[in-house]
Amino acid sequence: MSILSEERAAFHRYLIENEILTHAPFSKFDASYICSNADNGQKHSVLVANLLAAKIAKKAGVTLVERKKKDGQTLGNEFEEACTLYLQKTFLKLSSLRPGSWEVQKINSRKQSVLGRYEQYTHLAELGRLASEYSELRNFLGDGYTVAPDVIIARAPECDEVINKEIDIVDSDSCHQAMLRAVNHKNDIAQILHASVSCKFTMRSDRSQNTRTEALNLIRARKGRSPHIVSLTSEPTASRIASLALGTGDLDCVYHFALYELREALVELEADDALDLLESMVDGKRLKDISDLPLDLAV
């Protein structure tokens, strides 16, 4: 089995074994149980989530745990941790495609200064300092200029010895501002933000809008190239996925944690409208499986 297929299965096992994807007794809508990623007020969501989870558990060779659903913040944090681990075990193995000194990290802080650590956004750190010092500026800017990603992939700038390893590419006569060259960083060497991954265990309209706003802020506030901006979700409802996936310009793409099993579940439930919407997103290159994410991030 390939690394990406193996780690996909391991990701699903992790979600079940760590009681992120679980089920609990549930008699509403003629369902004997309800999975943790379902909307208990929507019959379609419950039926799809239950069948989807059953298929994932069967393929992963594990049994769903029966327990009360954890609170939303806990589920969100644990899903972010699972996504971080998956990317560490996949993207960091693509050195033949993307050589360099890489880091995959879950961002635990939601402070305004977080994004200012990265080369394209170092100016935001100074802006944040000024905003904290001058209330007029703070009131004018609000928090709209800041973003705290869920999971980031960053690259360290390279020293000249590494850049010139095979042939002399740089010297002291030119190339004085390229961010990839460590010597061009005057003070502290800031990492280059390569990707921002928004992790959403489930989606509601407000969460979709928040993700879009964060993506636009990343694009507008940067100085330099835009990082990859993607979203990863376990949402079972095609219409809610579409609220973020459809359209272009905000995100690179939305990735589903079990797209193949979701399609199988919709076929089995004869949910034709949801299936048509799902396939239109896939055909339109707006929705992909989690296994596609590492290779897409290597571009």
C-alpha atoms as a PDB file:
ATOM      1  CA  MET A   1       0.000   0.000   0.000  1.00  0.00           C
ATOM      2  CA  SER A   2       1.295   3.481  -0.846  1.00  0.00           C
ATOM      3  CA  ILE A   3       2.132   6.028   1.847  1.00  0.00           C
ATOM      4  CA  LEU A   4      -0.821   8.250   0.990  1.00  0.00           C
ATOM      5  CA  SER A   5      -3.305   5.357   1.088  1.00  0.00           C
ATOM      6  CA  GLU A   6      -1.766   4.006   4.281  1.00  0.00           C
ATOM      7  CA  GLU A   7      -1.821   7.381   6.046  1.00  0.00           C
ATOM      8  CA  ARG A   8      -5.386   8.033   4.893  1.00  0.00           C
ATOM      9  CA  ALA A   9      -6.484   4.839   6.622  1.00  0.00           C
ATOM     10  CA  ALA A  10      -4.366   5.712   9.668  1.00  0.00           C
ATOM     11  CA  PHE A  11      -6.038   9.136   9.819  1.00  0.00           C
ATOM     12  CA  HIS A  12      -9.470   7.496   9.935  1.00  0.00           C
ATOM     13  CA  ARG A  13      -8.355   5.061  12.632  1.00  0.00           C
ATOM     14  CA  TYR A  14      -6.959   7.957  14.642  1.00  0.00           C
ATOM     15  CA  LEU A  15     -10.293   9.798  14.524  1.00  0.00           C
ATOM     16  CA  ILE A  16     -12.165   6.731  15.780  1.00  0.00           C
ATOM     17  CA  GLU A  17      -9.616   5.510  18.337  1.00  0.00           C
ATOM     18  CA  ASN A  18      -9.297   8.985  19.853  1.00  0.00           C
ATOM     19  CA  GLU A  19     -13.082   9.313  20.043  1.00  0.00           C
ATOM     20  CA  ILE A  20     -13.339  12.236  17.644  1.00  0.00           C
ATOM     21  CA  LEU A  21     -15.588  10.336  15.258  1.00  0.00           C
ATOM     22  CA  THR A  22     -18.062   8.549  17.548  1.00  0.00           C
ATOM     23  CA  HIS A  23     -21.736   7.659  17.764  1.00  0.00           C
ATOM     24  CA  ALA A  24     -24.340   7.876  20.485  1.00  0.00           C
ATOM     25  CA  PRO A  25     -27.885   6.510  20.983  1.00  0.00           C
ATOM     26  CA  PHE A  26     -30.436   8.448  18.934  1.00  0.00           C
ATOM     27  CA  SER A  27     -34.061   7.554  18.202  1.00  0.00           C
ATOM     28  CA  LYS A  28     -35.050  10.598  16.181  1.00  0.00           C
ATOM     29  CA  PHE A  29     -35.502  10.195  12.390  1.00  0.00           C
ATOM     30  CA  ASP A  30     -35.675   6.383  12.843  1.00  0.00           C
ATOM     31  CA  ALA A  31     -31.925   6.316  13.447  1.00  0.00           C
ATOM     32  CA  SER A  32     -30.618   4.084  16.239  1.00  0.00           C
ATOM     33  CA  TYR A  33     -27.558   6.265  16.736  1.00  0.00           C
ATOM     34  CA  ILE A  34     -26.054   9.566  15.640  1.00  0.00           C
ATOM     35  CA  CYS A  35     -22.447  10.260  14.688  1.00  0.00           C
ATOM     36  CA  SER A  36     -20.472  13.156  16.098  1.00  0.00           C
ATOM     37  CA  ASN A  37     -20.195  14.952  12.748  1.00  0.00           C
ATOM     38  CA  ALA A  38     -23.966  14.904  12.110  1.00  0.00           C
ATOM     39  CA  ASP A  39     -26.456  17.728  12.612  1.00  0.00           C
ATOM     40  CA  ASN A  40     -29.018  16.236  14.981  1.00  0.00           C
ATOM     41  CA  GLY A  41     -31.687  18.582  13.666  1.00  0.00           C
ATOM     42  CA  GLN A  42     -31.432  17.413  10.059  1.00  0.00           C
ATOM     43  CA  LYS A  43     -32.504  13.933   9.002  1.00  0.00           C
ATOM     44  CA  HIS A  44     -30.374  13.865   5.831  1.00  0.00           C
ATOM     45  CA  SER A  45     -27.265  14.854   7.777  1.00  0.00           C
ATOM     46  CA  VAL A  46     -27.843  12.107  10.347  1.00  0.00           C
ATOM     47  CA  LEU A  47     -28.444   9.359   7.766  1.00  0.00           C
ATOM     48  CA  VAL A  48     -25.426  10.318   5.650  1.00  0.00           C
ATOM     49  CA  ALA A  49     -23.095  10.775   8.635  1.00  0.00           C
ATOM     50  CA  ASN A  50     -24.100   7.441  10.144  1.00  0.00           C
ATOM     51  CA  LEU A  51     -23.572   5.485   6.930  1.00  0.00           C
ATOM     52  CA  LEU A  52     -20.355   7.375   6.168  1.00  0.00           C
ATOM     53  CA  ALA A  53     -18.907   6.587   9.596  1.00  0.00           C
ATOM     54  CA  ALA A  54     -19.894   2.924   9.295  1.00  0.00           C
ATOM     55  CA  LYS A  55     -18.068   2.659   5.963  1.00  0.00           C
ATOM     56  CA  ILE A  56     -14.967   4.395   7.352  1.00  0.00           C
ATOM     57  CA  ALA A  57     -14.867   2.153  10.419  1.00  0.00           C
ATOM     58  CA  LYS A  58     -15.271  -1.003   8.331  1.00  0.00           C
ATOM     59  CA  LYS A  59     -12.444  -0.055   5.947  1.00  0.00           C
ATOM     60  CA  ALA A  60     -10.214   1.023   8.827  1.00  0.00           C
ATOM     61  CA  GLY A  61     -10.862  -2.225  10.687  1.00  0.00           C
ATOM     62  CA  VAL A  62     -11.972  -0.530  13.919  1.00  0.00           C
ATOM     63  CA  THR A  63     -15.226  -0.169  15.836  1.00  0.00           C
ATOM     64  CA  LEU A  64     -16.940   3.152  16.443  1.00  0.00           C
ATOM     65  CA  VAL A  65     -16.982   4.114  20.100  1.00  0.00           C
ATOM     66  CA  GLU A  66     -20.364   4.787  21.667  1.00  0.00           C
ATOM     67  CA  ARG A  67     -20.116   7.942  23.741  1.00  0.00           C
ATOM     68  CA  LYS A  68     -21.683  11.348  24.155  1.00  0.00           C
ATOM     69  CA  LYS A  69     -20.440  13.854  21.598  1.00  0.00           C
ATOM     70  CA  LYS A  70     -17.657  16.080  22.894  1.00  0.00           C
ATOM     71  CA  ASP A  71     -18.253  19.822  22.958  1.00  0.00           C
ATOM     72  CA  GLY A  72     -17.652  21.700  19.732  1.00  0.00           C
ATOM     73  CA  GLN A  73     -14.418  23.424  20.750  1.00  0.00           C
ATOM     74  CA  THR A  74     -12.867  20.169  21.942  1.00  0.00           C
ATOM     75  CA  LEU A  75     -13.853  18.370  18.729  1.00  0.00           C
ATOM     76  CA  GLY A  76     -12.471  21.220  16.654  1.00  0.00           C
ATOM     77  CA  ASN A  77      -9.130  21.238  18.464  1.00  0.00           C
ATOM     78  CA  GLU A  78      -8.758  17.471  18.279  1.00  0.00           C
ATOM     79  CA  PHE A  79      -9.644  17.429  14.584  1.00  0.00           C
ATOM     80  CA  GLU A  80      -6.953  20.069  13.976  1.00  0.00           C
ATOM     81  CA  GLU A  81      -4.445  17.873  15.802  1.00  0.00           C
ATOM     82  CA  ALA A  82      -5.395  14.887  13.652  1.00  0.00           C
ATOM     83  CA  CYS A  83      -5.032  16.948  10.452  1.00  0.00           C
ATOM     84  CA  THR A  84      -1.629  18.227  11.609  1.00  0.00           C
ATOM     85  CA  LEU A  85      -0.411  14.700  12.273  1.00  0.00           C
ATOM     86  CA  TYR A  86      -1.641  13.544   8.853  1.00  0.00           C
ATOM     87  CA  LEU A  87       0.218  16.344   7.049  1.00  0.00           C
ATOM     88  CA  GLN A  88       3.371  15.711   9.075  1.00  0.00           C
ATOM     89  CA  LYS A  89       3.298  12.060   8.018  1.00  0.00           C
ATOM     90  CA  THR A  90       2.621  12.814   4.353  1.00  0.00           C
ATOM     91  CA  PHE A  91       3.783  16.232   3.157  1.00  0.00           C
ATOM     92  CA  LEU A  92       7.111  16.006   5.014  1.00  0.00           C
ATOM     93  CA  LYS A  93       7.896  12.828   3.053  1.00  0.00           C
ATOM     94  CA  LEU A  94       7.730  14.646  -0.293  1.00  0.00           C
ATOM     95  CA  SER A  95      11.325  15.886  -0.173  1.00  0.00           C
ATOM     96  CA  SER A  96      11.983  14.550  -3.679  1.00  0.00           C
ATOM     97  CA  LEU A  97       9.251  16.880  -4.975  1.00  0.00           C
ATOM     98  CA  ARG A  98       9.713  19.743  -2.516  1.00  0.00           C
ATOM     99  CA  PRO A  99      13.229  19.852  -1.042  1.00  0.00           C
ATOM    100  CA  GLY A 100      13.762  22.291   1.794  1.00  0.00           C
ATOM    101  CA  SER A 101      13.493  22.720   5.537  1.00  0.00           C
ATOM    102  CA  TRP A 102       9.772  22.385   6.261  1.00  0.00           C
ATOM    103  CA  GLU A 103       7.557  22.591   9.327  1.00  0.00           C
ATOM    104  CA  VAL A 104       3.939  21.497   9.763  1.00  0.00           C
ATOM    105  CA  GLN A 105       2.443  22.986  12.903  1.00  0.00           C
ATOM    106  CA  LYS A 106      -0.911  23.413  14.609  1.00  0.00           C
ATOM    107  CA  ILE A 107      -1.384  27.016  15.691  1.00  0.00           C
ATOM    108  CA  ASN A 108      -2.635  27.018  19.272  1.00  0.00           C
ATOM    109  CA  SER A 109      -2.625  30.775  19.786  1.00  0.00           C
ATOM    110  CA  ARG A 110      -5.346  33.024  18.403  1.00  0.00           C
ATOM    111  CA  LYS A 111      -3.396  36.178  19.168  1.00  0.00           C
ATOM    112  CA  GLN A 112      -2.974  38.830  16.506  1.00  0.00           C
ATOM    113  CA  SER A 113       0.827  38.451  16.524  1.00  0.00           C
ATOM    114  CA  VAL A 114       0.831  34.867  15.212  1.00  0.00           C
ATOM    115  CA  LEU A 115       0.755  35.665  11.505  1.00  0.00           C
ATOM    116  CA  GLY A 116       3.469  38.284  11.927  1.00  0.00           C
ATOM    117  CA  ARG A 117       5.994  35.509  12.509  1.00  0.00           C
ATOM    118  CA  TYR A 118       6.040  34.702   8.797  1.00  0.00           C
ATOM    119  CA  GLU A 119       7.953  36.579   6.138  1.00  0.00           C
ATOM    120  CA  GLN A 120       4.992  37.726   4.012  1.00  0.00           C
ATOM    121  CA  TYR A 121       3.241  39.115   7.104  1.00  0.00           C
ATOM    122  CA  THR A 122       6.003  40.499   9.352  1.00  0.00           C
ATOM    123  CA  HIS A 123       4.558  43.990   8.872  1.00  0.00           C
ATOM    124  CA  LEU A 124       1.446  42.864  10.753  1.00  0.00           C
ATOM    125  CA  ALA A 125       3.466  42.405  13.930  1.00  0.00           C
ATOM    126  CA  GLU A 126       4.454  46.072  13.865  1.00  0.00           C
ATOM    127  CA  LEU A 127       0.904  47.054  12.947  1.00  0.00           C
ATOM    128  CA  GLY A 128      -0.379  45.086  15.915  1.00  0.00           C
ATOM    129  CA  ARG A 129       2.110  46.782  18.223  1.00  0.00           C
ATOM    130  CA  LEU A 130       1.005  50.216  17.037  1.00  0.00           C
ATOM    131  CA  ALA A 131      -2.661  49.268  17.342  1.00  0.00           C
ATOM    132  CA  SER A 132      -2.156  48.193  20.947  1.00  0.00           C
ATOM    133  CA  GLU A 133      -0.398  51.489  21.662  1.00  0.00           C
ATOM    134  CA  TYR A 134      -2.843  53.820  19.897  1.00  0.00           C
ATOM    135  CA  SER A 135      -6.530  53.265  20.557  1.00  0.00           C
ATOM    136  CA  GLU A 136      -7.568  55.363  17.544  1.00  0.00           C
ATOM    137  CA  LEU A 137      -5.685  53.034  15.207  1.00  0.00           C
ATOM    138  CA  ARG A 138      -7.050  49.982  17.001  1.00  0.00           C
ATOM    139  CA  ASN A 139     -10.604  51.242  16.675  1.00  0.00           C
ATOM    140  CA  PHE A 140     -10.072  51.980  12.976  1.00  0.00           C
ATOM    141  CA  LEU A 141      -8.493  48.630  12.097  1.00  0.00           C
ATOM    142  CA  GLY A 142     -10.478  46.315  14.351  1.00  0.00           C
ATOM    143  CA  ASP A 143      -9.390  42.685  13.980  1.00  0.00           C
ATOM    144  CA  GLY A 144     -10.062  42.415  10.239  1.00  0.00           C
ATOM    145  CA  TYR A 145      -6.406  42.639   9.257  1.00  0.00           C
ATOM    146  CA  THR A 146      -5.339  39.623  11.333  1.00  0.00           C
ATOM    147  CA  VAL A 147      -5.695  35.891  10.779  1.00  0.00           C
ATOM    148  CA  ALA A 148      -4.789  32.975  13.021  1.00  0.00           C
ATOM    149  CA  PRO A 149      -4.631  29.835  10.828  1.00  0.00           C
ATOM    150  CA  ASP A 150      -5.497  26.403  12.238  1.00  0.00           C
ATOM    151  CA  VAL A 151      -2.583  24.500  10.702  1.00  0.00           C
ATOM    152  CA  ILE A 152       0.343  25.974   8.804  1.00  0.00           C
ATOM    153  CA  ILE A 153       3.118  24.676   6.594  1.00  0.00           C
ATOM    154  CA  ALA A 154       6.175  26.912   6.602  1.00  0.00           C
ATOM    155  CA  ARG A 155       9.606  26.802   5.003  1.00  0.00           C
ATOM    156  CA  ALA A 156      12.837  28.140   6.464  1.00  0.00           C
ATOM    157  CA  PRO A 157      14.965  30.392   4.232  1.00  0.00           C
ATOM    158  CA  GLU A 158      18.114  28.719   2.892  1.00  0.00           C
ATOM    159  CA  CYS A 159      21.727  29.714   3.460  1.00  0.00           C
ATOM    160  CA  ASP A 160      23.906  30.434   0.424  1.00  0.00           C
ATOM    161  CA  GLU A 161      25.837  27.189   0.910  1.00  0.00           C
ATOM    162  CA  VAL A 162      22.651  25.183   0.356  1.00  0.00           C
ATOM    163  CA  ILE A 163      21.493  27.305  -2.577  1.00  0.00           C
ATOM    164  CA  ASN A 164      24.916  26.993  -4.234  1.00  0.00           C
ATOM    165  CA  LYS A 165      25.328  23.287  -3.432  1.00  0.00           C
ATOM    166  CA  GLU A 166      25.443  22.099  -7.058  1.00  0.00           C
ATOM    167  CA  ILE A 167      26.247  25.293  -8.954  1.00  0.00           C
ATOM    168  CA  ASP A 168      26.816  28.933  -7.981  1.00  0.00           C
ATOM    169  CA  ILE A 169      23.349  30.438  -8.127  1.00  0.00           C
ATOM    170  CA  VAL A 170      23.751  33.477  -5.858  1.00  0.00           C
ATOM    171  CA  ASP A 171      26.595  35.780  -4.858  1.00  0.00           C
ATOM    172  CA  SER A 172      27.099  39.147  -3.151  1.00  0.00           C
ATOM    173  CA  ASP A 173      26.520  41.137  -6.343  1.00  0.00           C
ATOM    174  CA  SER A 174      22.785  40.483  -6.769  1.00  0.00           C
ATOM    175  CA  CYS A 175      19.641  38.851  -5.404  1.00  0.00           C
ATOM    176  CA  HIS A 176      19.489  41.049  -2.306  1.00  0.00           C
ATOM    177  CA  GLN A 177      15.758  40.832  -1.570  1.00  0.00           C
ATOM    178  CA  ALA A 178      14.593  37.297  -2.363  1.00  0.00           C
ATOM    179  CA  MET A 179      12.938  35.915   0.774  1.00  0.00           C
ATOM    180  CA  LEU A 180      14.244  32.391   0.204  1.00  0.00           C
ATOM    181  CA  ARG A 181      17.821  33.601   0.794  1.00  0.00           C
ATOM    182  CA  ALA A 182      18.581  33.623   4.526  1.00  0.00           C
ATOM    183  CA  VAL A 183      21.253  36.315   4.230  1.00  0.00           C
ATOM    184  CA  ASN A 184      18.589  38.762   3.023  1.00  0.00           C
ATOM    185  CA  HIS A 185      16.770  38.612   6.368  1.00  0.00           C
ATOM    186  CA  LYS A 186      18.200  41.591   8.214  1.00  0.00           C
ATOM    187  CA  ASN A 187      17.244  40.729  11.774  1.00  0.00           C
ATOM    188  CA  ASP A 188      15.425  37.554  12.830  1.00  0.00           C
ATOM    189  CA  ILE A 189      15.082  35.024  10.030  1.00  0.00           C
ATOM    190  CA  ALA A 190      11.341  34.622   9.441  1.00  0.00           C
ATOM    191  CA  GLN A 191       9.886  31.444   7.989  1.00  0.00           C
ATOM    192  CA  ILE A 192       8.015  31.646   4.700  1.00  0.00           C
ATOM    193  CA  LEU A 193       4.338  30.731   5.029  1.00  0.00           C
ATOM    194  CA  HIS A 194       3.711  28.052   2.402  1.00  0.00           C
ATOM    195  CA  ALA A 195       0.173  26.956   3.314  1.00  0.00           C
ATOM    196  CA  SER A 196      -2.704  27.769   5.630  1.00  0.00           C
ATOM    197  CA  VAL A 197      -5.090  24.881   6.336  1.00  0.00           C
ATOM    198  CA  SER A 198      -8.484  25.696   7.831  1.00  0.00           C
ATOM    199  CA  CYS A 199      -9.792  22.602   9.628  1.00  0.00           C
ATOM    200  CA  LYS A 200     -13.544  22.341  10.101  1.00  0.00           C
ATOM    201  CA  PHE A 201     -14.906  19.169  11.700  1.00  0.00           C
ATOM    202  CA  THR A 202     -18.379  20.269  10.600  1.00  0.00           C
ATOM    203  CA  MET A 203     -19.680  23.252   8.639  1.00  0.00           C
ATOM    204  CA  ARG A 204     -22.426  25.725   9.321  1.00  0.00           C
ATOM    205  CA  SER A 205     -23.050  28.885   7.328  1.00  0.00           C
ATOM    206  CA  ASP A 206     -21.203  31.073   9.839  1.00  0.00           C
ATOM    207  CA  ARG A 207     -18.136  28.800   9.800  1.00  0.00           C
ATOM    208  CA  SER A 208     -18.033  28.850   6.028  1.00  0.00           C
ATOM    209  CA  GLN A 209     -18.157  32.633   6.041  1.00  0.00           C
ATOM    210  CA  ASN A 210     -15.407  32.812   8.665  1.00  0.00           C
ATOM    211  CA  THR A 211     -13.188  30.611   6.521  1.00  0.00           C
ATOM    212  CA  ARG A 212     -13.771  32.806   3.474  1.00  0.00           C
ATOM    213  CA  THR A 213     -13.002  35.947   5.487  1.00  0.00           C
ATOM    214  CA  GLU A 214      -9.787  34.436   6.825  1.00  0.00           C
ATOM    215  CA  ALA A 215      -8.757  33.426   3.301  1.00  0.00           C
ATOM    216  CA  LEU A 216      -9.379  36.892   1.890  1.00  0.00           C
ATOM    217  CA  ASN A 217      -7.426  38.480   4.733  1.00  0.00           C
ATOM    218  CA  LEU A 218      -4.487  36.193   4.024  1.00  0.00           C
ATOM    219  CA  ILE A 219      -4.525  37.253   0.391  1.00  0.00           C
ATOM    220  CA  ARG A 220      -4.980  40.974   0.998  1.00  0.00           C
ATOM    221  CA  ALA A 221      -2.552  41.362   3.894  1.00  0.00           C
ATOM    222  CA  ARG A 222       0.424  39.579   2.342  1.00  0.00           C
ATOM    223  CA  LYS A 223       3.602  41.142   0.993  1.00  0.00           C
ATOM    224  CA  GLY A 224       4.923  38.575  -1.460  1.00  0.00           C
ATOM    225  CA  ARG A 225       3.436  35.359  -2.762  1.00  0.00           C
ATOM    226  CA  SER A 226       0.156  34.111  -1.387  1.00  0.00           C
ATOM    227  CA  PRO A 227       0.350  30.856   0.557  1.00  0.00           C
ATOM    228  CA  HIS A 228      -1.790  27.879  -0.382  1.00  0.00           C
ATOM    229  CA  ILE A 229      -5.168  28.450   1.291  1.00  0.00           C
ATOM    230  CA  VAL A 230      -7.236  25.292   1.735  1.00  0.00           C
ATOM    231  CA  SER A 231      -9.944  23.889   3.972  1.00  0.00           C
ATOM    232  CA  LEU A 232     -10.240  20.336   5.302  1.00  0.00           C
ATOM    233  CA  THR A 233     -13.558  19.079   6.668  1.00  0.00           C
ATOM    234  CA  SER A 234     -15.502  16.004   7.762  1.00  0.00           C
ATOM    235  CA  GLU A 235     -18.886  17.624   7.050  1.00  0.00           C
ATOM    236  CA  PRO A 236     -21.297  14.962   5.673  1.00  0.00           C
ATOM    237  CA  THR A 237     -23.783  17.289   3.954  1.00  0.00           C
ATOM    238  CA  ALA A 238     -23.014  18.224   0.338  1.00  0.00           C
ATOM    239  CA  SER A 239     -24.954  21.512   0.478  1.00  0.00           C
ATOM    240  CA  ARG A 240     -22.901  22.733   3.426  1.00  0.00           C
ATOM    241  CA  ILE A 241     -19.660  21.716   1.761  1.00  0.00           C
ATOM    242  CA  ALA A 242     -20.834  23.649  -1.308  1.00  0.00           C
ATOM    243  CA  SER A 243     -21.299  26.802   0.785  1.00  0.00           C
ATOM    244  CA  LEU A 244     -17.510  26.980   0.975  1.00  0.00           C
ATOM    245  CA  ALA A 245     -16.362  24.997  -2.063  1.00  0.00           C
ATOM    246  CA  LEU A 246     -18.362  26.708  -4.791  1.00  0.00           C
ATOM    247  CA  GLY A 247     -16.916  29.832  -6.335  1.00  0.00           C
ATOM    248  CA  THR A 248     -13.295  30.743  -6.953  1.00  0.00           C
ATOM    249  CA  GLY A 249     -10.782  33.232  -5.665  1.00  0.00           C
ATOM    250  CA  ASP A 250     -11.021  32.678  -1.896  1.00  0.00           C
ATOM    251  CA  LEU A 251      -9.587  29.193  -1.368  1.00  0.00           C
ATOM    252  CA  ASP A 252      -7.498  26.901  -3.526  1.00  0.00           C
ATOM    253  CA  CYS A 253      -9.842  24.000  -2.839  1.00  0.00           C
ATOM    254  CA  VAL A 254     -11.868  22.204  -0.157  1.00  0.00           C
ATOM    255  CA  TYR A 255     -10.732  18.718   0.895  1.00  0.00           C
ATOM    256  CA  HIS A 256     -12.979  16.082   2.456  1.00  0.00           C
ATOM    257  CA  PHE A 257     -11.654  13.585   4.980  1.00  0.00           C
ATOM    258  CA  ALA A 258     -13.466  10.677   3.262  1.00  0.00           C
ATOM    259  CA  LEU A 259     -14.722  11.781  -0.135  1.00  0.00           C
ATOM    260  CA  TYR A 260     -14.839   8.278  -1.635  1.00  0.00           C
ATOM    261  CA  GLU A 261     -16.896   6.892   1.243  1.00  0.00           C
ATOM    262  CA  LEU A 262     -19.172   9.942   1.189  1.00  0.00           C
ATOM    263  CA  ARG A 263     -19.966   9.335  -2.466  1.00  0.00           C
ATOM    264  CA  GLU A 264     -20.666   5.651  -1.746  1.00  0.00           C
ATOM    265  CA  ALA A 265     -23.020   6.633   1.083  1.00  0.00           C
ATOM    266  CA  LEU A 266     -24.973   9.057  -1.122  1.00  0.00           C
ATOM    267  CA  VAL A 267     -25.315   6.410  -3.841  1.00  0.00           C
ATOM    268  CA  GLU A 268     -26.536   3.843  -1.317  1.00  0.00           C
ATOM    269  CA  LEU A 269     -29.047   6.293   0.181  1.00  0.00           C
ATOM    270  CA  GLU A 270     -30.230   7.264  -3.330  1.00  0.00           C
ATOM    271  CA  ALA A 271     -29.685  10.916  -2.423  1.00  0.00           C
ATOM    272  CA  ASP A 272     -29.577  11.996  -6.062  1.00  0.00           C
ATOM    273  CA  ASP A 273     -29.630  15.763  -5.507  1.00  0.00           C
ATOM    274  CA  ALA A 274     -26.803  15.645  -2.988  1.00  0.00           C
ATOM    275  CA  LEU A 275     -24.847  13.276  -5.224  1.00  0.00           C
ATOM    276  CA  ASP A 276     -25.245  15.568  -8.243  1.00  0.00           C
ATOM    277  CA  LEU A 277     -24.023  18.519  -6.179  1.00  0.00           C
ATOM    278  CA  LEU A 278     -21.065  16.532  -4.855  1.00  0.00           C
ATOM    279  CA  GLU A 279     -20.023  15.402  -8.314  1.00  0.00           C
ATOM    280  CA  SER A 280     -20.370  18.923  -9.722  1.00  0.00           C
ATOM    281  CA  MET A 281     -17.922  20.141  -7.056  1.00  0.00           C
ATOM    282  CA  VAL A 282     -15.506  17.321  -7.861  1.00  0.00           C
ATOM    283  CA  ASP A 283     -15.794  17.844 -11.630  1.00  0.00           C
ATOM    284  CA  GLY A 284     -15.317  21.581 -11.101  1.00  0.00           C
ATOM    285  CA  LYS A 285     -12.087  20.948  -9.142  1.00  0.00           C
ATOM    286  CA  ARG A 286     -13.526  22.578  -6.046  1.00  0.00           C
ATOM    287  CA  LEU A 287     -13.635  19.443  -3.876  1.00  0.00           C
ATOM    288  CA  LYS A 288     -11.046  16.694  -3.459  1.00  0.00           C
ATOM    289  CA  ASP A 289     -10.200  13.857  -1.103  1.00  0.00           C
ATOM    290  CA  ILE A 290      -7.764  14.305   1.779  1.00  0.00           C
ATOM    291  CA  SER A 291      -5.316  11.988  -0.015  1.00  0.00           C
ATOM    292  CA  ASP A 292      -4.942  14.634  -2.760  1.00  0.00           C
ATOM    293  CA  LEU A 293      -3.941  17.359  -0.324  1.00  0.00           C
ATOM    294  CA  PRO A 294      -0.225  16.562   0.250  1.00  0.00           C
ATOM    295  CA  LEU A 295       0.568  16.410  -3.473  1.00  0.00           C
ATOM    296  CA  ASP A 296      -1.423  19.582  -4.173  1.00  0.00           C
ATOM    297  CA  LEU A 297       0.541  21.369  -1.450  1.00  0.00           C
ATOM    298  CA  ALA A 298       3.770  20.278  -3.105  1.00  0.00           C
ATOM    299  CA  VAL A 299       3.008  22.422  -6.174  1.00  0.00           C
END
